[in-house]
Amino acid sequence: MNRSETFRRIQNNPSSLSKQSIQSLTMKIDPFIKIDPKVEEILLKIADEFILNVTNSSCELAKHRGSDTLEVKDINLHLEQDCGMKIPGFESTTKELLKQPSSVHQGKINQVDRTKYETFQKQNQK
């Protein structure tokens, strides 16, 4: 299913959130706050667009890794990388991406560092 098909399905179906859930959430924050119905509608649209975006981007990540199954790690990676969100209870997926260099690569790095140091020492002896 492509993005436009998904968007049409969301537009034709009721919101994944409800006005009651928004009211319940705001009651937890401040029991005396009143939310204008237009604001509720805007919040519901924003939530639906966010869910659509996360779902589509996460599906693209799953597809990129060669899977036809959307997994938590796909969603988590999208939220971390594209939204700057770290979800409590889920291990960071960026740690998996940061691999230690191989011993051959590390040896080359060390050789470059030694060469730089030797060059620096020779220049300062003059």
PDB file of N, CA and C in Angstrom:
ATOM      1  N   MET A   1       0.857  -1.175   0.000  1.00  0.00           N
ATOM      2  CA  MET A   1       0.000   0.000   0.000  1.00  0.00           C
ATOM      3  C   MET A   1       0.901   1.236   0.000  1.00  0.00           C
ATOM      4  N   ASN A   2       0.630   2.164  -0.905  1.00  0.00           N
ATOM      5  CA  ASN A   2       1.455   3.357  -0.964  1.00  0.00           C
ATOM      6  C   ASN A   2       0.897   4.448  -0.044  1.00  0.00           C
ATOM      7  N   ARG A   3       1.627   5.538   0.024  1.00  0.00           N
ATOM      8  CA  ARG A   3       1.286   6.615   0.964  1.00  0.00           C
ATOM      9  C   ARG A   3      -0.105   7.196   0.705  1.00  0.00           C
ATOM     10  N   SER A   4      -0.453   7.431  -0.558  1.00  0.00           N
ATOM     11  CA  SER A   4      -1.753   8.045  -0.846  1.00  0.00           C
ATOM     12  C   SER A   4      -2.900   7.096  -0.479  1.00  0.00           C
ATOM     13  N   GLU A   5      -2.717   5.783  -0.723  1.00  0.00           N
ATOM     14  CA  GLU A   5      -3.750   4.826  -0.334  1.00  0.00           C
ATOM     15  C   GLU A   5      -3.928   4.805   1.178  1.00  0.00           C
ATOM     16  N   THR A   6      -2.822   4.819   1.890  1.00  0.00           N
ATOM     17  CA  THR A   6      -2.878   4.830   3.353  1.00  0.00           C
ATOM     18  C   THR A   6      -3.571   6.089   3.848  1.00  0.00           C
ATOM     19  N   PHE A   7      -3.218   7.229   3.245  1.00  0.00           N
ATOM     20  CA  PHE A   7      -3.820   8.492   3.653  1.00  0.00           C
ATOM     21  C   PHE A   7      -5.334   8.479   3.418  1.00  0.00           C
ATOM     22  N   ARG A   8      -5.755   7.923   2.267  1.00  0.00           N
ATOM     23  CA  ARG A   8      -7.193   7.833   1.981  1.00  0.00           C
ATOM     24  C   ARG A   8      -7.912   6.958   3.010  1.00  0.00           C
ATOM     25  N   ARG A   9      -7.275   5.872   3.390  1.00  0.00           N
ATOM     26  CA  ARG A   9      -7.896   4.990   4.384  1.00  0.00           C
ATOM     27  C   ARG A   9      -8.065   5.721   5.718  1.00  0.00           C
ATOM     28  N   ILE A  10      -7.058   6.498   6.095  1.00  0.00           N
ATOM     29  CA  ILE A  10      -7.153   7.237   7.355  1.00  0.00           C
ATOM     30  C   ILE A  10      -8.232   8.301   7.261  1.00  0.00           C
ATOM     31  N   GLN A  11      -8.322   8.984   6.117  1.00  0.00           N
ATOM     32  CA  GLN A  11      -9.344  10.012   5.959  1.00  0.00           C
ATOM     33  C   GLN A  11     -10.746   9.416   6.013  1.00  0.00           C
ATOM     34  N   ASN A  12     -10.928   8.222   5.474  1.00  0.00           N
ATOM     35  CA  ASN A  12     -12.252   7.599   5.427  1.00  0.00           C
ATOM     36  C   ASN A  12     -12.643   6.899   6.723  1.00  0.00           C
ATOM     37  N   ASN A  13     -11.670   6.592   7.546  1.00  0.00           N
ATOM     38  CA  ASN A  13     -11.945   5.923   8.809  1.00  0.00           C
ATOM     39  C   ASN A  13     -11.933   6.928   9.947  1.00  0.00           C
ATOM     40  N   PRO A  14     -12.611   6.608  11.030  1.00  0.00           N
ATOM     41  CA  PRO A  14     -12.551   7.510  12.174  1.00  0.00           C
ATOM     42  C   PRO A  14     -11.122   7.589  12.704  1.00  0.00           C
ATOM     43  N   SER A  15     -10.865   8.647  13.423  1.00  0.00           N
ATOM     44  CA  SER A  15      -9.531   8.885  13.955  1.00  0.00           C
ATOM     45  C   SER A  15      -9.064   7.732  14.830  1.00  0.00           C
ATOM     46  N   SER A  16      -7.748   7.488  14.792  1.00  0.00           N
ATOM     47  CA  SER A  16      -7.193   6.447  15.641  1.00  0.00           C
ATOM     48  C   SER A  16      -7.271   6.868  17.109  1.00  0.00           C
ATOM     49  N   LEU A  17      -7.391   8.162  17.334  1.00  0.00           N
ATOM     50  CA  LEU A  17      -7.635   8.692  18.673  1.00  0.00           C
ATOM     51  C   LEU A  17      -9.054   9.243  18.703  1.00  0.00           C
ATOM     52  N   SER A  18      -9.534   9.479  19.878  1.00  0.00           N
ATOM     53  CA  SER A  18     -10.878  10.042  19.976  1.00  0.00           C
ATOM     54  C   SER A  18     -10.836  11.339  20.769  1.00  0.00           C
ATOM     55  N   LYS A  19     -11.911  12.086  20.660  1.00  0.00           N
ATOM     56  CA  LYS A  19     -12.015  13.312  21.453  1.00  0.00           C
ATOM     57  C   LYS A  19     -11.986  12.973  22.934  1.00  0.00           C
ATOM     58  N   GLN A  20     -12.556  11.819  23.278  1.00  0.00           N
ATOM     59  CA  GLN A  20     -12.557  11.402  24.678  1.00  0.00           C
ATOM     60  C   GLN A  20     -11.142  11.151  25.177  1.00  0.00           C
ATOM     61  N   SER A  21     -10.286  10.564  24.326  1.00  0.00           N
ATOM     62  CA  SER A  21      -8.911  10.309  24.768  1.00  0.00           C
ATOM     63  C   SER A  21      -8.144  11.616  24.942  1.00  0.00           C
ATOM     64  N   ILE A  22      -8.427  12.604  24.093  1.00  0.00           N
ATOM     65  CA  ILE A  22      -7.787  13.917  24.259  1.00  0.00           C
ATOM     66  C   ILE A  22      -8.276  14.579  25.536  1.00  0.00           C
ATOM     67  N   GLN A  23      -9.572  14.500  25.783  1.00  0.00           N
ATOM     68  CA  GLN A  23     -10.123  15.077  27.010  1.00  0.00           C
ATOM     69  C   GLN A  23      -9.560  14.372  28.238  1.00  0.00           C
ATOM     70  N   SER A  24      -9.436  13.059  28.169  1.00  0.00           N
ATOM     71  CA  SER A  24      -8.886  12.288  29.283  1.00  0.00           C
ATOM     72  C   SER A  24      -7.443  12.685  29.562  1.00  0.00           C
ATOM     73  N   LEU A  25      -6.666  12.852  28.505  1.00  0.00           N
ATOM     74  CA  LEU A  25      -5.274  13.261  28.652  1.00  0.00           C
ATOM     75  C   LEU A  25      -5.160  14.651  29.259  1.00  0.00           C
ATOM     76  N   THR A  26      -5.966  15.583  28.777  1.00  0.00           N
ATOM     77  CA  THR A  26      -5.909  16.946  29.311  1.00  0.00           C
ATOM     78  C   THR A  26      -6.396  16.996  30.757  1.00  0.00           C
ATOM     79  N   MET A  27      -7.341  16.131  31.115  1.00  0.00           N
ATOM     80  CA  MET A  27      -7.804  16.075  32.514  1.00  0.00           C
ATOM     81  C   MET A  27      -6.681  15.634  33.442  1.00  0.00           C
ATOM     82  N   LYS A  28      -5.809  14.752  32.953  1.00  0.00           N
ATOM     83  CA  LYS A  28      -4.672  14.300  33.757  1.00  0.00           C
ATOM     84  C   LYS A  28      -3.672  15.424  33.963  1.00  0.00           C
ATOM     85  N   ILE A  29      -3.553  16.288  32.962  1.00  0.00           N
ATOM     86  CA  ILE A  29      -2.613  17.400  33.056  1.00  0.00           C
ATOM     87  C   ILE A  29      -3.183  18.518  33.916  1.00  0.00           C
ATOM     88  N   ASP A  30      -4.419  18.910  33.619  1.00  0.00           N
ATOM     89  CA  ASP A  30      -5.089  19.974  34.364  1.00  0.00           C
ATOM     90  C   ASP A  30      -6.590  19.712  34.326  1.00  0.00           C
ATOM     91  N   PRO A  31      -7.182  19.331  35.464  1.00  0.00           N
ATOM     92  CA  PRO A  31      -8.608  18.978  35.463  1.00  0.00           C
ATOM     93  C   PRO A  31      -9.550  20.142  35.154  1.00  0.00           C
ATOM     94  N   PHE A  32      -9.049  21.368  35.180  1.00  0.00           N
ATOM     95  CA  PHE A  32      -9.913  22.526  34.965  1.00  0.00           C
ATOM     96  C   PHE A  32      -9.802  23.115  33.560  1.00  0.00           C
ATOM     97  N   ILE A  33      -8.968  22.532  32.739  1.00  0.00           N
ATOM     98  CA  ILE A  33      -8.759  23.091  31.401  1.00  0.00           C
ATOM     99  C   ILE A  33      -9.907  22.691  30.472  1.00  0.00           C
ATOM    100  N   LYS A  34     -10.285  23.611  29.615  1.00  0.00           N
ATOM    101  CA  LYS A  34     -11.307  23.375  28.596  1.00  0.00           C
ATOM    102  C   LYS A  34     -10.622  23.469  27.243  1.00  0.00           C
ATOM    103  N   ILE A  35     -10.964  22.557  26.351  1.00  0.00           N
ATOM    104  CA  ILE A  35     -10.385  22.572  25.006  1.00  0.00           C
ATOM    105  C   ILE A  35     -11.494  22.864  24.010  1.00  0.00           C
ATOM    106  N   ASP A  36     -11.237  23.830  23.177  1.00  0.00           N
ATOM    107  CA  ASP A  36     -12.176  24.199  22.125  1.00  0.00           C
ATOM    108  C   ASP A  36     -12.336  23.017  21.162  1.00  0.00           C
ATOM    109  N   PRO A  37     -13.544  22.739  20.696  1.00  0.00           N
ATOM    110  CA  PRO A  37     -13.751  21.622  19.753  1.00  0.00           C
ATOM    111  C   PRO A  37     -12.894  21.711  18.492  1.00  0.00           C
ATOM    112  N   LYS A  38     -12.627  22.923  18.021  1.00  0.00           N
ATOM    113  CA  LYS A  38     -11.770  23.082  16.842  1.00  0.00           C
ATOM    114  C   LYS A  38     -10.337  22.641  17.153  1.00  0.00           C
ATOM    115  N   VAL A  39      -9.894  22.927  18.368  1.00  0.00           N
ATOM    116  CA  VAL A  39      -8.550  22.508  18.785  1.00  0.00           C
ATOM    117  C   VAL A  39      -8.479  20.985  18.863  1.00  0.00           C
ATOM    118  N   GLU A  40      -9.549  20.365  19.365  1.00  0.00           N
ATOM    119  CA  GLU A  40      -9.596  18.901  19.415  1.00  0.00           C
ATOM    120  C   GLU A  40      -9.459  18.313  18.017  1.00  0.00           C
ATOM    121  N   GLU A  41     -10.159  18.897  17.062  1.00  0.00           N
ATOM    122  CA  GLU A  41     -10.092  18.414  15.685  1.00  0.00           C
ATOM    123  C   GLU A  41      -8.678  18.552  15.123  1.00  0.00           C
ATOM    124  N   ILE A  42      -8.054  19.687  15.398  1.00  0.00           N
ATOM    125  CA  ILE A  42      -6.687  19.912  14.919  1.00  0.00           C
ATOM    126  C   ILE A  42      -5.737  18.900  15.552  1.00  0.00           C
ATOM    127  N   LEU A  43      -5.865  18.670  16.851  1.00  0.00           N
ATOM    128  CA  LEU A  43      -5.007  17.698  17.533  1.00  0.00           C
ATOM    129  C   LEU A  43      -5.201  16.288  16.963  1.00  0.00           C
ATOM    130  N   LEU A  44      -6.458  15.934  16.660  1.00  0.00           N
ATOM    131  CA  LEU A  44      -6.728  14.626  16.072  1.00  0.00           C
ATOM    132  C   LEU A  44      -6.092  14.499  14.689  1.00  0.00           C
ATOM    133  N   LYS A  45      -6.147  15.566  13.892  1.00  0.00           N
ATOM    134  CA  LYS A  45      -5.533  15.535  12.565  1.00  0.00           C
ATOM    135  C   LYS A  45      -4.014  15.420  12.671  1.00  0.00           C
ATOM    136  N   ILE A  46      -3.435  16.169  13.596  1.00  0.00           N
ATOM    137  CA  ILE A  46      -1.981  16.106  13.791  1.00  0.00           C
ATOM    138  C   ILE A  46      -1.564  14.699  14.210  1.00  0.00           C
ATOM    139  N   ALA A  47      -2.318  14.112  15.142  1.00  0.00           N
ATOM    140  CA  ALA A  47      -2.007  12.755  15.601  1.00  0.00           C
ATOM    141  C   ALA A  47      -2.106  11.757  14.453  1.00  0.00           C
ATOM    142  N   ASP A  48      -3.163  11.868  13.649  1.00  0.00           N
ATOM    143  CA  ASP A  48      -3.330  10.953  12.521  1.00  0.00           C
ATOM    144  C   ASP A  48      -2.197  11.114  11.501  1.00  0.00           C
ATOM    145  N   GLU A  49      -1.800  12.340  11.222  1.00  0.00           N
ATOM    146  CA  GLU A  49      -0.709  12.575  10.284  1.00  0.00           C
ATOM    147  C   GLU A  49       0.605  12.029  10.829  1.00  0.00           C
ATOM    148  N   PHE A  50       0.820  12.193  12.132  1.00  0.00           N
ATOM    149  CA  PHE A  50       2.030  11.666  12.764  1.00  0.00           C
ATOM    150  C   PHE A  50       2.063  10.143  12.658  1.00  0.00           C
ATOM    151  N   ILE A  51       0.945   9.506  12.955  1.00  0.00           N
ATOM    152  CA  ILE A  51       0.871   8.046  12.875  1.00  0.00           C
ATOM    153  C   ILE A  51       1.098   7.581  11.440  1.00  0.00           C
ATOM    154  N   LEU A  52       0.518   8.271  10.488  1.00  0.00           N
ATOM    155  CA  LEU A  52       0.708   7.940   9.082  1.00  0.00           C
ATOM    156  C   LEU A  52       2.178   8.068   8.692  1.00  0.00           C
ATOM    157  N   ASN A  53       2.805   9.153   9.083  1.00  0.00           N
ATOM    158  CA  ASN A  53       4.208   9.395   8.766  1.00  0.00           C
ATOM    159  C   ASN A  53       5.105   8.326   9.382  1.00  0.00           C
ATOM    160  N   VAL A  54       4.896   8.032  10.656  1.00  0.00           N
ATOM    161  CA  VAL A  54       5.713   7.024  11.333  1.00  0.00           C
ATOM    162  C   VAL A  54       5.521   5.658  10.682  1.00  0.00           C
ATOM    163  N   THR A  55       4.287   5.318  10.377  1.00  0.00           N
ATOM    164  CA  THR A  55       4.001   4.023   9.763  1.00  0.00           C
ATOM    165  C   THR A  55       4.661   3.902   8.395  1.00  0.00           C
ATOM    166  N   ASN A  56       4.491   4.899   7.555  1.00  0.00           N
ATOM    167  CA  ASN A  56       5.076   4.849   6.205  1.00  0.00           C
ATOM    168  C   ASN A  56       6.597   4.798   6.247  1.00  0.00           C
ATOM    169  N   SER A  57       7.189   5.665   7.056  1.00  0.00           N
ATOM    170  CA  SER A  57       8.654   5.693   7.131  1.00  0.00           C
ATOM    171  C   SER A  57       9.204   4.401   7.721  1.00  0.00           C
ATOM    172  N   SER A  58       8.536   3.868   8.714  1.00  0.00           N
ATOM    173  CA  SER A  58       8.978   2.623   9.336  1.00  0.00           C
ATOM    174  C   SER A  58       8.850   1.452   8.369  1.00  0.00           C
ATOM    175  N   CYS A  59       7.790   1.462   7.561  1.00  0.00           N
ATOM    176  CA  CYS A  59       7.627   0.425   6.538  1.00  0.00           C
ATOM    177  C   CYS A  59       8.743   0.510   5.500  1.00  0.00           C
ATOM    178  N   GLU A  60       9.142   1.718   5.147  1.00  0.00           N
ATOM    179  CA  GLU A  60      10.254   1.885   4.208  1.00  0.00           C
ATOM    180  C   GLU A  60      11.543   1.334   4.803  1.00  0.00           C
ATOM    181  N   LEU A  61      11.756   1.539   6.105  1.00  0.00           N
ATOM    182  CA  LEU A  61      12.952   0.991   6.759  1.00  0.00           C
ATOM    183  C   LEU A  61      12.915  -0.534   6.749  1.00  0.00           C
ATOM    184  N   ALA A  62      11.758  -1.111   7.024  1.00  0.00           N
ATOM    185  CA  ALA A  62      11.627  -2.569   6.998  1.00  0.00           C
ATOM    186  C   ALA A  62      11.913  -3.095   5.594  1.00  0.00           C
ATOM    187  N   LYS A  63      11.378  -2.412   4.611  1.00  0.00           N
ATOM    188  CA  LYS A  63      11.589  -2.802   3.207  1.00  0.00           C
ATOM    189  C   LYS A  63      13.071  -2.695   2.860  1.00  0.00           C
ATOM    190  N   HIS A  64      13.730  -1.643   3.349  1.00  0.00           N
ATOM    191  CA  HIS A  64      15.145  -1.422   3.072  1.00  0.00           C
ATOM    192  C   HIS A  64      16.010  -2.549   3.632  1.00  0.00           C
ATOM    193  N   ARG A  65      15.645  -3.069   4.794  1.00  0.00           N
ATOM    194  CA  ARG A  65      16.433  -4.164   5.375  1.00  0.00           C
ATOM    195  C   ARG A  65      16.016  -5.506   4.819  1.00  0.00           C
ATOM    196  N   GLY A  66      15.122  -5.495   3.808  1.00  0.00           N
ATOM    197  CA  GLY A  66      14.756  -6.709   3.096  1.00  0.00           C
ATOM    198  C   GLY A  66      13.670  -7.529   3.758  1.00  0.00           C
ATOM    199  N   SER A  67      12.850  -6.888   4.577  1.00  0.00           N
ATOM    200  CA  SER A  67      11.792  -7.609   5.269  1.00  0.00           C
ATOM    201  C   SER A  67      10.427  -7.144   4.785  1.00  0.00           C
ATOM    202  N   ASP A  68       9.459  -8.038   4.866  1.00  0.00           N
ATOM    203  CA  ASP A  68       8.087  -7.640   4.564  1.00  0.00           C
ATOM    204  C   ASP A  68       7.272  -7.531   5.850  1.00  0.00           C
ATOM    205  N   THR A  69       7.992  -7.532   6.984  1.00  0.00           N
ATOM    206  CA  THR A  69       7.349  -7.424   8.294  1.00  0.00           C
ATOM    207  C   THR A  69       7.845  -6.172   9.010  1.00  0.00           C
ATOM    208  N   LEU A  70       6.921  -5.343   9.423  1.00  0.00           N
ATOM    209  CA  LEU A  70       7.257  -4.158  10.205  1.00  0.00           C
ATOM    210  C   LEU A  70       7.535  -4.586  11.634  1.00  0.00           C
ATOM    211  N   GLU A  71       8.682  -4.195  12.163  1.00  0.00           N
ATOM    212  CA  GLU A  71       9.064  -4.565  13.518  1.00  0.00           C
ATOM    213  C   GLU A  71       9.265  -3.315  14.367  1.00  0.00           C
ATOM    214  N   VAL A  72       9.286  -3.538  15.674  1.00  0.00           N
ATOM    215  CA  VAL A  72       9.460  -2.430  16.616  1.00  0.00           C
ATOM    216  C   VAL A  72      10.746  -1.670  16.321  1.00  0.00           C
ATOM    217  N   LYS A  73      11.800  -2.394  15.934  1.00  0.00           N
ATOM    218  CA  LYS A  73      13.077  -1.721  15.678  1.00  0.00           C
ATOM    219  C   LYS A  73      12.974  -0.739  14.508  1.00  0.00           C
ATOM    220  N   ASP A  74      12.089  -1.002  13.555  1.00  0.00           N
ATOM    221  CA  ASP A  74      11.895  -0.074  12.436  1.00  0.00           C
ATOM    222  C   ASP A  74      11.258   1.224  12.926  1.00  0.00           C
ATOM    223  N   ILE A  75      10.235   1.086  13.740  1.00  0.00           N
ATOM    224  CA  ILE A  75       9.553   2.260  14.287  1.00  0.00           C
ATOM    225  C   ILE A  75      10.495   3.039  15.183  1.00  0.00           C
ATOM    226  N   ASN A  76      11.209   2.308  16.039  1.00  0.00           N
ATOM    227  CA  ASN A  76      12.130   2.953  16.971  1.00  0.00           C
ATOM    228  C   ASN A  76      13.233   3.713  16.234  1.00  0.00           C
ATOM    229  N   LEU A  77      13.764   3.117  15.171  1.00  0.00           N
ATOM    230  CA  LEU A  77      14.819   3.781  14.396  1.00  0.00           C
ATOM    231  C   LEU A  77      14.290   5.059  13.757  1.00  0.00           C
ATOM    232  N   HIS A  78      13.090   5.001  13.178  1.00  0.00           N
ATOM    233  CA  HIS A  78      12.511   6.204  12.570  1.00  0.00           C
ATOM    234  C   HIS A  78      12.310   7.294  13.625  1.00  0.00           C
ATOM    235  N   LEU A  79      11.746   6.930  14.760  1.00  0.00           N
ATOM    236  CA  LEU A  79      11.493   7.926  15.802  1.00  0.00           C
ATOM    237  C   LEU A  79      12.787   8.549  16.306  1.00  0.00           C
ATOM    238  N   GLU A  80      13.841   7.741  16.453  1.00  0.00           N
ATOM    239  CA  GLU A  80      15.122   8.275  16.918  1.00  0.00           C
ATOM    240  C   GLU A  80      15.788   9.158  15.865  1.00  0.00           C
ATOM    241  N   GLN A  81      15.889   8.636  14.648  1.00  0.00           N
ATOM    242  CA  GLN A  81      16.651   9.321  13.613  1.00  0.00           C
ATOM    243  C   GLN A  81      15.930  10.526  13.015  1.00  0.00           C
ATOM    244  N   ASP A  82      14.649  10.369  12.734  1.00  0.00           N
ATOM    245  CA  ASP A  82      13.922  11.416  12.020  1.00  0.00           C
ATOM    246  C   ASP A  82      13.142  12.355  12.922  1.00  0.00           C
ATOM    247  N   CYS A  83      12.726  11.852  14.076  1.00  0.00           N
ATOM    248  CA  CYS A  83      11.905  12.676  14.973  1.00  0.00           C
ATOM    249  C   CYS A  83      12.659  13.117  16.220  1.00  0.00           C
ATOM    250  N   GLY A  84      13.843  12.546  16.445  1.00  0.00           N
ATOM    251  CA  GLY A  84      14.619  12.894  17.637  1.00  0.00           C
ATOM    252  C   GLY A  84      13.957  12.427  18.927  1.00  0.00           C
ATOM    253  N   MET A  85      13.185  11.340  18.850  1.00  0.00           N
ATOM    254  CA  MET A  85      12.451  10.845  20.010  1.00  0.00           C
ATOM    255  C   MET A  85      13.060   9.531  20.490  1.00  0.00           C
ATOM    256  N   LYS A  86      13.332   9.457  21.782  1.00  0.00           N
ATOM    257  CA  LYS A  86      13.776   8.201  22.383  1.00  0.00           C
ATOM    258  C   LYS A  86      12.637   7.692  23.243  1.00  0.00           C
ATOM    259  N   ILE A  87      12.194   6.488  22.959  1.00  0.00           N
ATOM    260  CA  ILE A  87      11.054   5.913  23.656  1.00  0.00           C
ATOM    261  C   ILE A  87      11.547   5.127  24.861  1.00  0.00           C
ATOM    262  N   PRO A  88      11.098   5.475  26.066  1.00  0.00           N
ATOM    263  CA  PRO A  88      11.516   4.737  27.256  1.00  0.00           C
ATOM    264  C   PRO A  88      11.121   3.271  27.148  1.00  0.00           C
ATOM    265  N   GLY A  89      12.027   2.395  27.579  1.00  0.00           N
ATOM    266  CA  GLY A  89      11.752   0.967  27.551  1.00  0.00           C
ATOM    267  C   GLY A  89      12.257   0.274  26.309  1.00  0.00           C
ATOM    268  N   PHE A  90      12.730   1.044  25.320  1.00  0.00           N
ATOM    269  CA  PHE A  90      13.274   0.452  24.099  1.00  0.00           C
ATOM    270  C   PHE A  90      14.733   0.834  23.989  1.00  0.00           C
ATOM    271  N   GLU A  91      15.570  -0.145  23.711  1.00  0.00           N
ATOM    272  CA  GLU A  91      16.991   0.118  23.565  1.00  0.00           C
ATOM    273  C   GLU A  91      17.234   0.930  22.306  1.00  0.00           C
ATOM    274  N   SER A  92      18.188   1.813  22.384  1.00  0.00           N
ATOM    275  CA  SER A  92      18.509   2.663  21.241  1.00  0.00           C
ATOM    276  C   SER A  92      18.972   1.825  20.063  1.00  0.00           C
ATOM    277  N   THR A  93      18.385   2.078  18.899  1.00  0.00           N
ATOM    278  CA  THR A  93      18.774   1.346  17.696  1.00  0.00           C
ATOM    279  C   THR A  93      20.032   1.940  17.084  1.00  0.00           C
ATOM    280  N   THR A  94      20.382   3.165  17.464  1.00  0.00           N
ATOM    281  CA  THR A  94      21.577   3.773  16.886  1.00  0.00           C
ATOM    282  C   THR A  94      22.830   3.087  17.404  1.00  0.00           C
ATOM    283  N   LYS A  95      22.764   2.460  18.571  1.00  0.00           N
ATOM    284  CA  LYS A  95      23.918   1.727  19.086  1.00  0.00           C
ATOM    285  C   LYS A  95      24.272   0.573  18.161  1.00  0.00           C
ATOM    286  N   GLU A  96      23.255  -0.061  17.581  1.00  0.00           N
ATOM    287  CA  GLU A  96      23.494  -1.166  16.663  1.00  0.00           C
ATOM    288  C   GLU A  96      24.213  -0.679  15.409  1.00  0.00           C
ATOM    289  N   LEU A  97      23.975   0.561  15.036  1.00  0.00           N
ATOM    290  CA  LEU A  97      24.569   1.098  13.815  1.00  0.00           C
ATOM    291  C   LEU A  97      26.029   1.480  14.000  1.00  0.00           C
ATOM    292  N   LEU A  98      26.414   1.773  15.240  1.00  0.00           N
ATOM    293  CA  LEU A  98      27.776   2.202  15.525  1.00  0.00           C
ATOM    294  C   LEU A  98      28.622   0.981  15.864  1.00  0.00           C
ATOM    295  N   LYS A  99      29.214   0.370  14.870  1.00  0.00           N
ATOM    296  CA  LYS A  99      30.023  -0.821  15.073  1.00  0.00           C
ATOM    297  C   LYS A  99      31.468  -0.417  15.311  1.00  0.00           C
ATOM    298  N   GLN A 100      32.164  -1.266  16.020  1.00  0.00           N
ATOM    299  CA  GLN A 100      33.583  -1.037  16.247  1.00  0.00           C
ATOM    300  C   GLN A 100      34.330  -1.293  14.946  1.00  0.00           C
ATOM    301  N   PRO A 101      35.374  -0.493  14.669  1.00  0.00           N
ATOM    302  CA  PRO A 101      36.131  -0.720  13.447  1.00  0.00           C
ATOM    303  C   PRO A 101      36.862  -2.064  13.502  1.00  0.00           C
ATOM    304  N   SER A 102      37.070  -2.655  12.342  1.00  0.00           N
ATOM    305  CA  SER A 102      37.798  -3.924  12.281  1.00  0.00           C
ATOM    306  C   SER A 102      39.247  -3.692  12.680  1.00  0.00           C
ATOM    307  N   SER A 103      39.962  -4.782  12.985  1.00  0.00           N
ATOM    308  CA  SER A 103      41.360  -4.658  13.407  1.00  0.00           C
ATOM    309  C   SER A 103      42.223  -4.095  12.265  1.00  0.00           C
ATOM    310  N   VAL A 104      41.907  -4.451  11.025  1.00  0.00           N
ATOM    311  CA  VAL A 104      42.650  -3.915   9.877  1.00  0.00           C
ATOM    312  C   VAL A 104      42.439  -2.413   9.781  1.00  0.00           C
ATOM    313  N   HIS A 105      41.176  -1.991   9.897  1.00  0.00           N
ATOM    314  CA  HIS A 105      40.868  -0.558   9.819  1.00  0.00           C
ATOM    315  C   HIS A 105      41.518   0.192  10.991  1.00  0.00           C
ATOM    316  N   GLN A 106      41.456  -0.394  12.179  1.00  0.00           N
ATOM    317  CA  GLN A 106      42.054   0.248  13.352  1.00  0.00           C
ATOM    318  C   GLN A 106      43.564   0.370  13.170  1.00  0.00           C
ATOM    319  N   GLY A 107      44.186  -0.634  12.559  1.00  0.00           N
ATOM    320  CA  GLY A 107      45.624  -0.577  12.290  1.00  0.00           C
ATOM    321  C   GLY A 107      45.973   0.563  11.354  1.00  0.00           C
ATOM    322  N   LYS A 108      45.154   0.767  10.322  1.00  0.00           N
ATOM    323  CA  LYS A 108      45.384   1.873   9.393  1.00  0.00           C
ATOM    324  C   LYS A 108      45.223   3.224  10.093  1.00  0.00           C
ATOM    325  N   ILE A 109      44.214   3.321  10.952  1.00  0.00           N
ATOM    326  CA  ILE A 109      44.017   4.567  11.712  1.00  0.00           C
ATOM    327  C   ILE A 109      45.230   4.842  12.583  1.00  0.00           C
ATOM    328  N   ASN A 110      45.733   3.805  13.260  1.00  0.00           N
ATOM    329  CA  ASN A 110      46.916   3.968  14.118  1.00  0.00           C
ATOM    330  C   ASN A 110      48.132   4.390  13.307  1.00  0.00           C
ATOM    331  N   GLN A 111      48.311   3.823  12.104  1.00  0.00           N
ATOM    332  CA  GLN A 111      49.440   4.185  11.248  1.00  0.00           C
ATOM    333  C   GLN A 111      49.347   5.652  10.829  1.00  0.00           C
ATOM    334  N   VAL A 112      48.172   6.101  10.459  1.00  0.00           N
ATOM    335  CA  VAL A 112      47.981   7.511  10.096  1.00  0.00           C
ATOM    336  C   VAL A 112      48.315   8.404  11.293  1.00  0.00           C
ATOM    337  N   ASP A 113      47.834   8.020  12.477  1.00  0.00           N
ATOM    338  CA  ASP A 113      48.131   8.808  13.675  1.00  0.00           C
ATOM    339  C   ASP A 113      49.639   8.860  13.947  1.00  0.00           C
ATOM    340  N   ARG A 114      50.351   7.717  13.788  1.00  0.00           N
ATOM    341  CA  ARG A 114      51.799   7.702  13.998  1.00  0.00           C
ATOM    342  C   ARG A 114      52.504   8.605  12.993  1.00  0.00           C
ATOM    343  N   THR A 115      52.069   8.546  11.734  1.00  0.00           N
ATOM    344  CA  THR A 115      52.681   9.373  10.696  1.00  0.00           C
ATOM    345  C   THR A 115      52.476  10.853  11.004  1.00  0.00           C
ATOM    346  N   LYS A 116      51.285  11.210  11.429  1.00  0.00           N
ATOM    347  CA  LYS A 116      51.015  12.609  11.796  1.00  0.00           C
ATOM    348  C   LYS A 116      51.906  13.042  12.955  1.00  0.00           C
ATOM    349  N   TYR A 117      52.044  12.165  13.947  1.00  0.00           N
ATOM    350  CA  TYR A 117      52.851  12.484  15.121  1.00  0.00           C
ATOM    351  C   TYR A 117      54.316  12.654  14.727  1.00  0.00           C
ATOM    352  N   GLU A 118      54.832  11.727  13.888  1.00  0.00           N
ATOM    353  CA  GLU A 118      56.230  11.809  13.449  1.00  0.00           C
ATOM    354  C   GLU A 118      56.468  13.071  12.637  1.00  0.00           C
ATOM    355  N   THR A 119      55.531  13.409  11.767  1.00  0.00           N
ATOM    356  CA  THR A 119      55.649  14.628  10.971  1.00  0.00           C
ATOM    357  C   THR A 119      55.660  15.854  11.873  1.00  0.00           C
ATOM    358  N   PHE A 120      54.811  15.855  12.871  1.00  0.00           N
ATOM    359  CA  PHE A 120      54.740  16.967  13.825  1.00  0.00           C
ATOM    360  C   PHE A 120      56.061  17.088  14.583  1.00  0.00           C
ATOM    361  N   GLN A 121      56.608  15.943  15.005  1.00  0.00           N
ATOM    362  CA  GLN A 121      57.873  15.947  15.756  1.00  0.00           C
ATOM    363  C   GLN A 121      59.019  16.487  14.896  1.00  0.00           C
ATOM    364  N   LYS A 122      59.072  16.086  13.626  1.00  0.00           N
ATOM    365  CA  LYS A 122      60.131  16.549  12.727  1.00  0.00           C
ATOM    366  C   LYS A 122      60.044  18.055  12.490  1.00  0.00           C
ATOM    367  N   GLN A 123      58.827  18.566  12.339  1.00  0.00           N
ATOM    368  CA  GLN A 123      58.641  19.997  12.105  1.00  0.00           C
ATOM    369  C   GLN A 123      59.040  20.809  13.327  1.00  0.00           C
ATOM    370  N   ASN A 124      58.807  20.307  14.500  1.00  0.00           N
ATOM    371  CA  ASN A 124      59.139  21.040  15.734  1.00  0.00           C
ATOM    372  C   ASN A 124      60.603  20.941  16.090  1.00  0.00           C
ATOM    373  N   GLN A 125      61.362  19.993  15.523  1.00  0.00           N
ATOM    374  CA  GLN A 125      62.786  19.861  15.797  1.00  0.00           C
ATOM    375  C   GLN A 125      63.591  20.867  15.011  1.00  0.00           C
ATOM    376  N   LYS A 126      63.021  21.423  13.962  1.00  0.00           N
ATOM    377  CA  LYS A 126      63.757  22.358  13.105  1.00  0.00           C
ATOM    378  C   LYS A 126      63.874  23.689  13.718  1.00  0.00           C
TER     379      LYS A 126
END
